[in-house]
Amino acid sequence: MGFYARHVMPTIVACGCSLPPITKLRRAVVPRAEGVVLELGLGSGLNLPLYDPARVTKVFGLEPEAAMLAKARRRADRSTVPVTVLREGAEAVSLDARSVDTVLVTFSLCTIPEVEAALSEARRVLRPAGRLLFCEHGRSPDPELFRRATKIEPTWKKLFGGCHLTRDIPALVQAAGFTIDQLEAGYLGGRPSFGGYVYRGSASPG
């Protein structure tokens, strides 16, 4: 891992993920979490201040990148809900089956290398009445924007920590065995762009 990946890229990603339009979406999704929560792709811990302490009893935050973990642990120390930060990938979760009430993932499914495995693990650890809450950017329904995203994606991934622009988020969630209960989709800020089509919703483990 070079200097850019260790020191520059984590700061760029953390700043990008805290932009006002993205923060607005986080504020709409994170407070819906309840009970024991597993957050996939904790990143720098931007969601931690948004959990509702009246609804959440515990948060397990998964993050494999050391540079992000340092930022996340500082936020975890200030959190109003109990947080355990785990340095592990979402493809192999150390928690027991049916042990959490909510799995939360925001702007992370785009970067997880084996996203199918991660969603399978999310379903495994959820209790039968649990919910997956997600807010992710992904494949645009516009053919021209999709073509442009496909073209730029290899370079984009190198610059932004493996971020994909063309993943079909609802299809991936359903392929993992989830039933989508609620889904909203649209361009970030209402303006069409090749990387700004966002899916937000919830799903049950079936």
N, C-alpha and C. Protein backbone atom coordinates (compact mmCIF):
# COMPACT_ATOMS: atom_id res chain seq x y z
N MET A 1 0.85 -1.19 0.00
CA MET A 1 0.00 0.00 0.00
C MET A 1 0.88 1.24 0.00
N GLY A 2 0.68 2.13 -0.98
CA GLY A 2 1.51 3.30 -1.12
C GLY A 2 1.07 4.47 -0.26
N PHE A 3 1.82 5.58 -0.39
CA PHE A 3 1.54 6.78 0.40
C PHE A 3 0.13 7.29 0.14
N TYR A 4 -0.28 7.33 -1.13
CA TYR A 4 -1.62 7.84 -1.47
C TYR A 4 -2.70 7.02 -0.78
N ALA A 5 -2.60 5.69 -0.84
CA ALA A 5 -3.62 4.83 -0.26
C ALA A 5 -3.65 4.94 1.26
N ARG A 6 -2.48 5.16 1.87
CA ARG A 6 -2.43 5.22 3.34
C ARG A 6 -2.85 6.56 3.90
N HIS A 7 -2.46 7.65 3.22
CA HIS A 7 -2.61 8.97 3.84
C HIS A 7 -3.54 9.93 3.09
N VAL A 8 -3.60 9.84 1.78
CA VAL A 8 -4.37 10.81 0.99
C VAL A 8 -5.79 10.32 0.75
N MET A 9 -5.91 9.11 0.20
CA MET A 9 -7.21 8.58 -0.16
C MET A 9 -8.20 8.52 1.00
N PRO A 10 -7.81 8.06 2.22
CA PRO A 10 -8.78 8.03 3.31
C PRO A 10 -9.36 9.41 3.65
N THR A 11 -8.53 10.45 3.56
CA THR A 11 -9.02 11.80 3.84
C THR A 11 -9.98 12.27 2.76
N ILE A 12 -9.65 11.99 1.50
CA ILE A 12 -10.54 12.36 0.39
C ILE A 12 -11.89 11.67 0.52
N VAL A 13 -11.86 10.37 0.81
CA VAL A 13 -13.11 9.61 0.94
C VAL A 13 -13.94 10.11 2.11
N ALA A 14 -13.28 10.36 3.25
CA ALA A 14 -14.00 10.85 4.43
C ALA A 14 -14.65 12.20 4.15
N CYS A 15 -13.95 13.08 3.45
CA CYS A 15 -14.51 14.39 3.12
C CYS A 15 -15.67 14.26 2.15
N GLY A 16 -15.48 13.42 1.12
CA GLY A 16 -16.54 13.23 0.14
C GLY A 16 -17.80 12.65 0.76
N CYS A 17 -17.63 11.73 1.67
CA CYS A 17 -18.77 11.07 2.31
C CYS A 17 -19.46 11.94 3.35
N SER A 18 -18.89 13.09 3.66
CA SER A 18 -19.51 14.00 4.63
C SER A 18 -20.07 15.26 3.96
N LEU A 19 -20.16 15.26 2.63
CA LEU A 19 -20.75 16.40 1.94
C LEU A 19 -22.21 16.56 2.33
N PRO A 20 -22.74 17.79 2.34
CA PRO A 20 -24.11 18.03 2.83
C PRO A 20 -25.19 17.15 2.21
N PRO A 21 -25.23 16.93 0.88
CA PRO A 21 -26.30 16.07 0.34
C PRO A 21 -26.23 14.64 0.85
N ILE A 22 -25.00 14.13 1.06
CA ILE A 22 -24.85 12.77 1.57
C ILE A 22 -25.19 12.72 3.05
N THR A 23 -24.79 13.74 3.79
CA THR A 23 -25.14 13.80 5.21
C THR A 23 -26.65 13.84 5.40
N LYS A 24 -27.34 14.55 4.53
CA LYS A 24 -28.81 14.61 4.61
C LYS A 24 -29.42 13.23 4.45
N LEU A 25 -28.88 12.43 3.53
CA LEU A 25 -29.38 11.07 3.34
C LEU A 25 -29.07 10.21 4.57
N ARG A 26 -27.87 10.35 5.11
CA ARG A 26 -27.53 9.60 6.32
C ARG A 26 -28.51 9.91 7.45
N ARG A 27 -28.83 11.17 7.60
CA ARG A 27 -29.74 11.59 8.68
C ARG A 27 -31.14 11.00 8.52
N ALA A 28 -31.50 10.66 7.29
CA ALA A 28 -32.80 10.07 7.04
C ALA A 28 -32.82 8.56 7.30
N VAL A 29 -31.64 7.93 7.23
CA VAL A 29 -31.57 6.47 7.31
C VAL A 29 -31.11 5.98 8.68
N VAL A 30 -30.02 6.53 9.19
CA VAL A 30 -29.39 5.98 10.40
C VAL A 30 -30.31 5.98 11.61
N PRO A 31 -31.10 7.03 11.88
CA PRO A 31 -31.96 7.00 13.06
C PRO A 31 -33.03 5.92 13.05
N ARG A 32 -33.23 5.25 11.92
CA ARG A 32 -34.20 4.16 11.85
C ARG A 32 -33.66 2.86 12.43
N ALA A 33 -32.36 2.78 12.65
CA ALA A 33 -31.75 1.57 13.21
C ALA A 33 -32.23 1.36 14.64
N GLU A 34 -32.35 0.09 15.02
CA GLU A 34 -32.80 -0.20 16.38
C GLU A 34 -32.18 -1.48 16.90
N GLY A 35 -32.18 -1.61 18.22
CA GLY A 35 -31.65 -2.80 18.87
C GLY A 35 -30.15 -2.93 18.71
N VAL A 36 -29.70 -4.15 18.50
CA VAL A 36 -28.28 -4.41 18.24
C VAL A 36 -28.03 -4.19 16.75
N VAL A 37 -27.06 -3.36 16.44
CA VAL A 37 -26.82 -2.93 15.06
C VAL A 37 -25.45 -3.40 14.60
N LEU A 38 -25.41 -3.90 13.38
CA LEU A 38 -24.14 -4.17 12.70
C LEU A 38 -24.03 -3.18 11.56
N GLU A 39 -22.98 -2.35 11.59
CA GLU A 39 -22.73 -1.42 10.49
C GLU A 39 -21.60 -1.95 9.62
N LEU A 40 -21.89 -2.18 8.36
CA LEU A 40 -20.90 -2.64 7.41
C LEU A 40 -20.20 -1.45 6.79
N GLY A 41 -18.87 -1.45 6.84
CA GLY A 41 -18.14 -0.32 6.28
C GLY A 41 -18.27 0.91 7.16
N LEU A 42 -17.79 0.79 8.37
CA LEU A 42 -17.90 1.91 9.32
C LEU A 42 -17.17 3.14 8.83
N GLY A 43 -16.12 2.95 8.05
CA GLY A 43 -15.35 4.08 7.54
C GLY A 43 -14.76 4.91 8.65
N SER A 44 -14.93 6.21 8.56
CA SER A 44 -14.42 7.11 9.59
C SER A 44 -15.41 7.34 10.72
N GLY A 45 -16.52 6.61 10.70
CA GLY A 45 -17.50 6.71 11.79
C GLY A 45 -18.50 7.84 11.64
N LEU A 46 -18.76 8.27 10.42
CA LEU A 46 -19.66 9.40 10.21
C LEU A 46 -21.08 9.14 10.70
N ASN A 47 -21.49 7.88 10.70
CA ASN A 47 -22.87 7.58 11.13
C ASN A 47 -23.03 7.55 12.65
N LEU A 48 -21.95 7.40 13.38
CA LEU A 48 -22.06 7.17 14.83
C LEU A 48 -22.83 8.26 15.57
N PRO A 49 -22.65 9.55 15.26
CA PRO A 49 -23.43 10.56 15.99
C PRO A 49 -24.91 10.57 15.64
N LEU A 50 -25.31 9.82 14.61
CA LEU A 50 -26.68 9.87 14.12
C LEU A 50 -27.58 8.78 14.69
N TYR A 51 -26.99 7.81 15.39
CA TYR A 51 -27.81 6.76 15.99
C TYR A 51 -28.66 7.33 17.12
N ASP A 52 -29.87 6.81 17.25
CA ASP A 52 -30.79 7.25 18.30
C ASP A 52 -30.55 6.40 19.54
N PRO A 53 -30.02 6.98 20.62
CA PRO A 53 -29.73 6.19 21.83
C PRO A 53 -30.98 5.63 22.49
N ALA A 54 -32.15 6.15 22.15
CA ALA A 54 -33.39 5.61 22.70
C ALA A 54 -33.82 4.34 21.97
N ARG A 55 -33.24 4.09 20.80
CA ARG A 55 -33.63 2.94 19.99
C ARG A 55 -32.53 1.88 19.87
N VAL A 56 -31.28 2.32 20.00
CA VAL A 56 -30.15 1.43 19.74
C VAL A 56 -29.47 1.04 21.05
N THR A 57 -29.24 -0.26 21.24
CA THR A 57 -28.59 -0.73 22.46
C THR A 57 -27.09 -0.96 22.27
N LYS A 58 -26.67 -1.26 21.04
CA LYS A 58 -25.27 -1.59 20.79
C LYS A 58 -25.01 -1.49 19.29
N VAL A 59 -23.80 -1.00 18.94
CA VAL A 59 -23.38 -0.95 17.54
C VAL A 59 -22.07 -1.71 17.40
N PHE A 60 -22.03 -2.63 16.46
CA PHE A 60 -20.79 -3.26 16.02
C PHE A 60 -20.43 -2.65 14.67
N GLY A 61 -19.29 -2.02 14.61
CA GLY A 61 -18.87 -1.37 13.37
C GLY A 61 -17.72 -2.09 12.73
N LEU A 62 -17.90 -2.57 11.50
CA LEU A 62 -16.86 -3.31 10.78
C LEU A 62 -16.12 -2.38 9.84
N GLU A 63 -14.78 -2.42 9.91
CA GLU A 63 -13.96 -1.61 9.01
C GLU A 63 -12.58 -2.27 8.89
N PRO A 64 -12.16 -2.64 7.68
CA PRO A 64 -10.87 -3.32 7.52
C PRO A 64 -9.67 -2.39 7.35
N GLU A 65 -9.90 -1.12 7.03
CA GLU A 65 -8.79 -0.22 6.72
C GLU A 65 -8.28 0.50 7.96
N ALA A 66 -6.99 0.38 8.23
CA ALA A 66 -6.39 0.96 9.44
C ALA A 66 -6.55 2.47 9.49
N ALA A 67 -6.36 3.14 8.36
CA ALA A 67 -6.45 4.61 8.35
C ALA A 67 -7.85 5.08 8.72
N MET A 68 -8.86 4.36 8.27
CA MET A 68 -10.24 4.71 8.61
C MET A 68 -10.55 4.36 10.07
N LEU A 69 -9.99 3.26 10.54
CA LEU A 69 -10.25 2.82 11.91
C LEU A 69 -9.82 3.86 12.94
N ALA A 70 -8.70 4.49 12.69
CA ALA A 70 -8.22 5.50 13.64
C ALA A 70 -9.24 6.63 13.79
N LYS A 71 -9.82 7.05 12.67
CA LYS A 71 -10.84 8.10 12.71
C LYS A 71 -12.11 7.60 13.39
N ALA A 72 -12.49 6.35 13.06
CA ALA A 72 -13.72 5.79 13.61
C ALA A 72 -13.63 5.63 15.13
N ARG A 73 -12.49 5.21 15.62
CA ARG A 73 -12.36 4.99 17.06
C ARG A 73 -12.48 6.29 17.84
N ARG A 74 -12.01 7.38 17.26
CA ARG A 74 -12.16 8.68 17.94
C ARG A 74 -13.64 9.05 18.05
N ARG A 75 -14.39 8.79 16.99
CA ARG A 75 -15.83 9.08 17.04
C ARG A 75 -16.54 8.10 17.97
N ALA A 76 -16.10 6.85 17.99
CA ALA A 76 -16.72 5.87 18.87
C ALA A 76 -16.57 6.26 20.34
N ASP A 77 -15.44 6.85 20.69
CA ASP A 77 -15.20 7.27 22.07
C ASP A 77 -16.18 8.36 22.50
N ARG A 78 -16.71 9.12 21.54
CA ARG A 78 -17.65 10.21 21.85
C ARG A 78 -19.10 9.83 21.61
N SER A 79 -19.35 8.59 21.21
CA SER A 79 -20.70 8.17 20.84
C SER A 79 -21.63 8.08 22.04
N THR A 80 -22.90 8.38 21.81
CA THR A 80 -23.91 8.27 22.86
C THR A 80 -24.49 6.86 22.95
N VAL A 81 -24.08 5.96 22.04
CA VAL A 81 -24.47 4.56 22.11
C VAL A 81 -23.20 3.71 22.23
N PRO A 82 -23.27 2.55 22.87
CA PRO A 82 -22.09 1.69 22.99
C PRO A 82 -21.65 1.20 21.61
N VAL A 83 -20.36 1.32 21.33
CA VAL A 83 -19.82 0.94 20.02
C VAL A 83 -18.63 0.02 20.21
N THR A 84 -18.63 -1.09 19.47
CA THR A 84 -17.47 -1.96 19.36
C THR A 84 -16.98 -1.91 17.93
N VAL A 85 -15.76 -1.45 17.75
CA VAL A 85 -15.17 -1.34 16.41
C VAL A 85 -14.37 -2.61 16.12
N LEU A 86 -14.69 -3.26 15.02
CA LEU A 86 -14.05 -4.51 14.64
C LEU A 86 -13.25 -4.33 13.36
N ARG A 87 -11.98 -4.69 13.40
CA ARG A 87 -11.17 -4.60 12.19
C ARG A 87 -11.33 -5.89 11.39
N GLU A 88 -12.35 -5.91 10.58
CA GLU A 88 -12.60 -7.07 9.74
C GLU A 88 -13.47 -6.66 8.56
N GLY A 89 -13.40 -7.45 7.50
CA GLY A 89 -14.19 -7.18 6.32
C GLY A 89 -15.61 -7.70 6.46
N ALA A 90 -16.49 -7.15 5.65
CA ALA A 90 -17.91 -7.53 5.71
C ALA A 90 -18.17 -8.89 5.09
N GLU A 91 -17.18 -9.45 4.39
CA GLU A 91 -17.39 -10.73 3.73
C GLU A 91 -17.32 -11.92 4.69
N ALA A 92 -16.77 -11.70 5.89
CA ALA A 92 -16.66 -12.77 6.89
C ALA A 92 -16.85 -12.15 8.27
N VAL A 93 -18.09 -12.02 8.68
CA VAL A 93 -18.44 -11.34 9.93
C VAL A 93 -18.26 -12.31 11.10
N SER A 94 -17.64 -11.83 12.16
CA SER A 94 -17.36 -12.69 13.31
C SER A 94 -18.55 -12.87 14.25
N LEU A 95 -19.64 -12.15 14.04
CA LEU A 95 -20.80 -12.26 14.91
C LEU A 95 -21.59 -13.54 14.63
N ASP A 96 -22.33 -13.99 15.65
CA ASP A 96 -23.13 -15.20 15.51
C ASP A 96 -24.33 -14.99 14.59
N ALA A 97 -24.84 -16.07 14.06
CA ALA A 97 -26.05 -16.02 13.25
C ALA A 97 -27.23 -15.53 14.09
N ARG A 98 -28.09 -14.77 13.46
CA ARG A 98 -29.31 -14.26 14.10
C ARG A 98 -29.01 -13.53 15.41
N SER A 99 -27.99 -12.68 15.39
CA SER A 99 -27.58 -12.00 16.62
C SER A 99 -27.80 -10.49 16.59
N VAL A 100 -28.26 -9.93 15.46
CA VAL A 100 -28.45 -8.48 15.39
C VAL A 100 -29.85 -8.16 14.88
N ASP A 101 -30.32 -6.97 15.24
CA ASP A 101 -31.66 -6.52 14.84
C ASP A 101 -31.64 -5.68 13.58
N THR A 102 -30.53 -4.98 13.35
CA THR A 102 -30.41 -4.10 12.19
C THR A 102 -29.03 -4.24 11.59
N VAL A 103 -28.98 -4.37 10.29
CA VAL A 103 -27.72 -4.20 9.56
C VAL A 103 -27.83 -2.90 8.78
N LEU A 104 -26.87 -2.02 8.99
CA LEU A 104 -26.86 -0.73 8.32
C LEU A 104 -25.66 -0.65 7.39
N VAL A 105 -25.90 -0.18 6.18
CA VAL A 105 -24.79 0.05 5.26
C VAL A 105 -25.09 1.29 4.44
N THR A 106 -24.17 2.27 4.51
CA THR A 106 -24.35 3.53 3.79
C THR A 106 -23.08 3.84 3.01
N PHE A 107 -23.22 3.95 1.72
CA PHE A 107 -22.12 4.32 0.83
C PHE A 107 -20.88 3.46 1.05
N SER A 108 -21.14 2.15 1.23
CA SER A 108 -20.05 1.19 1.42
C SER A 108 -20.16 -0.02 0.50
N LEU A 109 -21.36 -0.38 0.08
CA LEU A 109 -21.51 -1.51 -0.83
C LEU A 109 -20.76 -1.28 -2.14
N CYS A 110 -20.52 -0.03 -2.45
CA CYS A 110 -19.78 0.28 -3.68
C CYS A 110 -18.31 -0.13 -3.59
N THR A 111 -17.78 -0.25 -2.39
CA THR A 111 -16.34 -0.49 -2.23
C THR A 111 -16.00 -1.90 -1.74
N ILE A 112 -16.95 -2.60 -1.15
CA ILE A 112 -16.67 -3.94 -0.63
C ILE A 112 -16.31 -4.86 -1.79
N PRO A 113 -15.13 -5.48 -1.77
CA PRO A 113 -14.70 -6.28 -2.92
C PRO A 113 -15.67 -7.41 -3.28
N GLU A 114 -16.07 -8.20 -2.30
CA GLU A 114 -16.98 -9.32 -2.55
C GLU A 114 -18.35 -8.96 -1.97
N VAL A 115 -19.05 -8.11 -2.70
CA VAL A 115 -20.29 -7.55 -2.18
C VAL A 115 -21.36 -8.63 -1.98
N GLU A 116 -21.38 -9.64 -2.83
CA GLU A 116 -22.37 -10.71 -2.67
C GLU A 116 -22.16 -11.45 -1.35
N ALA A 117 -20.91 -11.73 -1.02
CA ALA A 117 -20.60 -12.40 0.23
C ALA A 117 -20.98 -11.53 1.43
N ALA A 118 -20.75 -10.23 1.32
CA ALA A 118 -21.08 -9.32 2.41
C ALA A 118 -22.58 -9.30 2.68
N LEU A 119 -23.38 -9.26 1.62
CA LEU A 119 -24.83 -9.24 1.81
C LEU A 119 -25.33 -10.59 2.33
N SER A 120 -24.69 -11.67 1.93
CA SER A 120 -25.04 -12.98 2.46
C SER A 120 -24.76 -13.04 3.96
N GLU A 121 -23.64 -12.47 4.38
CA GLU A 121 -23.31 -12.41 5.80
C GLU A 121 -24.29 -11.52 6.56
N ALA A 122 -24.70 -10.42 5.95
CA ALA A 122 -25.68 -9.54 6.58
C ALA A 122 -26.98 -10.30 6.86
N ARG A 123 -27.39 -11.09 5.90
CA ARG A 123 -28.62 -11.88 6.08
C ARG A 123 -28.43 -12.95 7.15
N ARG A 124 -27.25 -13.53 7.20
CA ARG A 124 -26.98 -14.58 8.19
C ARG A 124 -27.09 -14.05 9.61
N VAL A 125 -26.54 -12.88 9.87
CA VAL A 125 -26.49 -12.37 11.25
C VAL A 125 -27.79 -11.70 11.69
N LEU A 126 -28.68 -11.41 10.75
CA LEU A 126 -29.94 -10.77 11.12
C LEU A 126 -30.91 -11.75 11.76
N ARG A 127 -31.62 -11.28 12.76
CA ARG A 127 -32.71 -12.05 13.31
C ARG A 127 -33.87 -12.06 12.30
N PRO A 128 -34.76 -13.04 12.40
CA PRO A 128 -35.83 -13.16 11.40
C PRO A 128 -36.67 -11.89 11.23
N ALA A 129 -36.86 -11.15 12.32
CA ALA A 129 -37.66 -9.92 12.24
C ALA A 129 -36.79 -8.68 12.01
N GLY A 130 -35.49 -8.90 11.75
CA GLY A 130 -34.57 -7.78 11.58
C GLY A 130 -34.72 -7.10 10.24
N ARG A 131 -33.95 -6.02 10.07
CA ARG A 131 -34.01 -5.25 8.84
C ARG A 131 -32.62 -4.84 8.38
N LEU A 132 -32.45 -4.86 7.07
CA LEU A 132 -31.29 -4.26 6.42
C LEU A 132 -31.69 -2.86 5.99
N LEU A 133 -30.95 -1.86 6.45
CA LEU A 133 -31.15 -0.48 6.02
C LEU A 133 -29.97 -0.10 5.13
N PHE A 134 -30.26 0.44 3.96
CA PHE A 134 -29.17 0.76 3.03
C PHE A 134 -29.41 2.10 2.35
N CYS A 135 -28.31 2.76 2.08
CA CYS A 135 -28.31 4.00 1.30
C CYS A 135 -27.01 3.99 0.50
N GLU A 136 -27.13 3.80 -0.81
CA GLU A 136 -25.96 3.53 -1.64
C GLU A 136 -26.09 4.18 -3.01
N HIS A 137 -24.96 4.63 -3.54
CA HIS A 137 -24.99 5.07 -4.93
C HIS A 137 -24.64 3.89 -5.82
N GLY A 138 -25.17 3.89 -7.03
CA GLY A 138 -24.94 2.75 -7.91
C GLY A 138 -25.36 3.04 -9.34
N ARG A 139 -25.75 2.00 -10.02
CA ARG A 139 -26.02 2.06 -11.46
C ARG A 139 -27.13 3.05 -11.80
N SER A 140 -26.83 3.97 -12.69
CA SER A 140 -27.83 4.91 -13.18
C SER A 140 -28.72 4.23 -14.21
N PRO A 141 -30.02 4.53 -14.21
CA PRO A 141 -30.91 3.96 -15.21
C PRO A 141 -30.76 4.60 -16.59
N ASP A 142 -30.02 5.71 -16.65
CA ASP A 142 -29.80 6.39 -17.93
C ASP A 142 -28.70 5.67 -18.71
N PRO A 143 -28.99 5.17 -19.91
CA PRO A 143 -27.99 4.39 -20.66
C PRO A 143 -26.69 5.14 -20.94
N GLU A 144 -26.78 6.42 -21.24
CA GLU A 144 -25.57 7.19 -21.53
C GLU A 144 -24.72 7.39 -20.28
N LEU A 145 -25.36 7.69 -19.17
CA LEU A 145 -24.61 7.86 -17.92
C LEU A 145 -24.01 6.53 -17.47
N PHE A 146 -24.74 5.45 -17.69
CA PHE A 146 -24.19 4.13 -17.36
C PHE A 146 -22.98 3.81 -18.23
N ARG A 147 -23.04 4.17 -19.49
CA ARG A 147 -21.91 3.92 -20.39
C ARG A 147 -20.69 4.72 -19.93
N ARG A 148 -20.90 5.98 -19.56
CA ARG A 148 -19.79 6.82 -19.10
C ARG A 148 -19.22 6.28 -17.79
N ALA A 149 -20.09 5.84 -16.90
CA ALA A 149 -19.62 5.30 -15.62
C ALA A 149 -18.80 4.03 -15.82
N THR A 150 -19.25 3.18 -16.74
CA THR A 150 -18.52 1.95 -17.03
C THR A 150 -17.12 2.26 -17.57
N LYS A 151 -17.02 3.29 -18.37
CA LYS A 151 -15.74 3.67 -18.96
C LYS A 151 -14.76 4.21 -17.92
N ILE A 152 -15.27 5.01 -17.01
CA ILE A 152 -14.39 5.67 -16.05
C ILE A 152 -14.15 4.82 -14.79
N GLU A 153 -14.96 3.79 -14.60
CA GLU A 153 -14.91 3.02 -13.35
C GLU A 153 -13.53 2.46 -12.99
N PRO A 154 -12.75 1.89 -13.93
CA PRO A 154 -11.44 1.35 -13.53
C PRO A 154 -10.52 2.40 -12.89
N THR A 155 -10.51 3.60 -13.46
CA THR A 155 -9.69 4.67 -12.89
C THR A 155 -10.27 5.17 -11.57
N TRP A 156 -11.59 5.29 -11.54
CA TRP A 156 -12.30 5.75 -10.34
C TRP A 156 -11.99 4.84 -9.14
N LYS A 157 -11.99 3.52 -9.37
CA LYS A 157 -11.72 2.58 -8.29
C LYS A 157 -10.32 2.77 -7.71
N LYS A 158 -9.36 3.05 -8.56
CA LYS A 158 -7.99 3.26 -8.09
C LYS A 158 -7.87 4.53 -7.25
N LEU A 159 -8.62 5.54 -7.62
CA LEU A 159 -8.53 6.83 -6.92
C LEU A 159 -9.30 6.85 -5.61
N PHE A 160 -10.40 6.09 -5.55
CA PHE A 160 -11.32 6.22 -4.42
C PHE A 160 -11.58 4.89 -3.70
N GLY A 161 -10.51 4.18 -3.43
CA GLY A 161 -10.60 3.03 -2.54
C GLY A 161 -11.43 1.87 -3.02
N GLY A 162 -11.47 1.65 -4.33
CA GLY A 162 -12.22 0.52 -4.87
C GLY A 162 -13.68 0.80 -5.13
N CYS A 163 -14.08 2.06 -5.10
CA CYS A 163 -15.47 2.44 -5.29
C CYS A 163 -15.95 2.11 -6.71
N HIS A 164 -17.05 1.36 -6.81
CA HIS A 164 -17.68 1.04 -8.08
C HIS A 164 -18.80 2.04 -8.38
N LEU A 165 -19.01 2.31 -9.64
CA LEU A 165 -20.04 3.25 -10.07
C LEU A 165 -21.26 2.56 -10.66
N THR A 166 -21.16 1.27 -10.95
CA THR A 166 -22.18 0.62 -11.76
C THR A 166 -22.88 -0.55 -11.08
N ARG A 167 -22.71 -0.71 -9.80
CA ARG A 167 -23.37 -1.83 -9.12
C ARG A 167 -24.88 -1.59 -9.02
N ASP A 168 -25.64 -2.61 -9.35
CA ASP A 168 -27.10 -2.55 -9.28
C ASP A 168 -27.51 -2.93 -7.86
N ILE A 169 -27.67 -1.95 -7.01
CA ILE A 169 -27.86 -2.19 -5.58
C ILE A 169 -29.12 -3.01 -5.29
N PRO A 170 -30.30 -2.65 -5.80
CA PRO A 170 -31.48 -3.47 -5.49
C PRO A 170 -31.34 -4.91 -5.96
N ALA A 171 -30.75 -5.12 -7.13
CA ALA A 171 -30.57 -6.48 -7.64
C ALA A 171 -29.64 -7.28 -6.74
N LEU A 172 -28.57 -6.65 -6.25
CA LEU A 172 -27.65 -7.33 -5.35
C LEU A 172 -28.32 -7.70 -4.04
N VAL A 173 -29.12 -6.80 -3.49
CA VAL A 173 -29.82 -7.07 -2.23
C VAL A 173 -30.79 -8.23 -2.41
N GLN A 174 -31.53 -8.23 -3.49
CA GLN A 174 -32.49 -9.31 -3.72
C GLN A 174 -31.80 -10.64 -4.00
N ALA A 175 -30.69 -10.60 -4.72
CA ALA A 175 -29.96 -11.83 -5.04
C ALA A 175 -29.41 -12.51 -3.79
N ALA A 176 -29.20 -11.72 -2.72
CA ALA A 176 -28.71 -12.27 -1.46
C ALA A 176 -29.82 -12.90 -0.62
N GLY A 177 -31.06 -12.86 -1.12
CA GLY A 177 -32.17 -13.49 -0.42
C GLY A 177 -33.05 -12.53 0.35
N PHE A 178 -32.78 -11.24 0.27
CA PHE A 178 -33.60 -10.26 0.96
C PHE A 178 -34.87 -9.94 0.17
N THR A 179 -35.88 -9.50 0.90
CA THR A 179 -37.09 -8.95 0.30
C THR A 179 -37.10 -7.46 0.56
N ILE A 180 -37.07 -6.66 -0.48
CA ILE A 180 -37.05 -5.21 -0.31
C ILE A 180 -38.44 -4.73 0.09
N ASP A 181 -38.51 -4.06 1.24
CA ASP A 181 -39.78 -3.56 1.76
C ASP A 181 -40.04 -2.12 1.33
N GLN A 182 -38.97 -1.37 1.17
CA GLN A 182 -39.09 0.05 0.81
C GLN A 182 -37.91 0.43 -0.04
N LEU A 183 -38.16 1.20 -1.09
CA LEU A 183 -37.07 1.61 -1.97
C LEU A 183 -37.38 2.97 -2.57
N GLU A 184 -36.43 3.87 -2.44
CA GLU A 184 -36.47 5.16 -3.11
C GLU A 184 -35.19 5.31 -3.92
N ALA A 185 -35.28 5.98 -5.04
CA ALA A 185 -34.10 6.15 -5.88
C ALA A 185 -34.16 7.49 -6.59
N GLY A 186 -32.98 8.06 -6.81
CA GLY A 186 -32.91 9.34 -7.52
C GLY A 186 -31.49 9.87 -7.52
N TYR A 187 -31.30 10.91 -8.28
CA TYR A 187 -29.97 11.50 -8.38
C TYR A 187 -29.67 12.38 -7.18
N LEU A 188 -28.45 12.30 -6.72
CA LEU A 188 -28.00 13.09 -5.58
C LEU A 188 -28.14 14.56 -5.92
N GLY A 189 -28.88 15.29 -5.10
CA GLY A 189 -29.11 16.70 -5.36
C GLY A 189 -30.06 16.97 -6.50
N GLY A 190 -30.67 15.92 -7.05
CA GLY A 190 -31.63 16.09 -8.14
C GLY A 190 -31.02 16.33 -9.49
N ARG A 191 -29.70 16.27 -9.59
CA ARG A 191 -29.02 16.54 -10.86
C ARG A 191 -28.39 15.27 -11.39
N PRO A 192 -28.73 14.86 -12.62
CA PRO A 192 -28.16 13.63 -13.19
C PRO A 192 -26.64 13.67 -13.27
N SER A 193 -26.00 12.59 -12.83
CA SER A 193 -24.54 12.46 -12.94
C SER A 193 -24.21 10.98 -12.96
N PHE A 194 -23.04 10.62 -13.53
CA PHE A 194 -22.72 9.20 -13.69
C PHE A 194 -22.45 8.50 -12.37
N GLY A 195 -22.13 9.24 -11.31
CA GLY A 195 -21.83 8.61 -10.03
C GLY A 195 -22.79 8.97 -8.92
N GLY A 196 -23.88 9.66 -9.26
CA GLY A 196 -24.74 10.20 -8.22
C GLY A 196 -26.14 9.65 -8.16
N TYR A 197 -26.36 8.43 -8.69
CA TYR A 197 -27.68 7.84 -8.57
C TYR A 197 -27.72 7.03 -7.28
N VAL A 198 -28.67 7.36 -6.39
CA VAL A 198 -28.68 6.82 -5.04
C VAL A 198 -29.93 5.98 -4.80
N TYR A 199 -29.71 4.81 -4.18
CA TYR A 199 -30.79 3.93 -3.76
C TYR A 199 -30.87 3.95 -2.24
N ARG A 200 -32.07 4.12 -1.71
CA ARG A 200 -32.26 4.15 -0.26
C ARG A 200 -33.46 3.29 0.09
N GLY A 201 -33.29 2.42 1.08
CA GLY A 201 -34.44 1.58 1.43
C GLY A 201 -34.17 0.64 2.58
N SER A 202 -35.08 -0.31 2.73
CA SER A 202 -34.96 -1.33 3.77
C SER A 202 -35.38 -2.66 3.19
N ALA A 203 -34.88 -3.74 3.80
CA ALA A 203 -35.19 -5.08 3.33
C ALA A 203 -35.22 -6.04 4.50
N SER A 204 -36.02 -7.07 4.38
CA SER A 204 -36.12 -8.11 5.41
C SER A 204 -35.39 -9.35 4.94
N PRO A 205 -34.89 -10.16 5.89
CA PRO A 205 -34.07 -11.31 5.50
C PRO A 205 -34.86 -12.46 4.89
N GLY A 206 -36.18 -12.40 4.88
CA GLY A 206 -36.98 -13.43 4.22
C GLY A 206 -37.13 -14.70 5.04
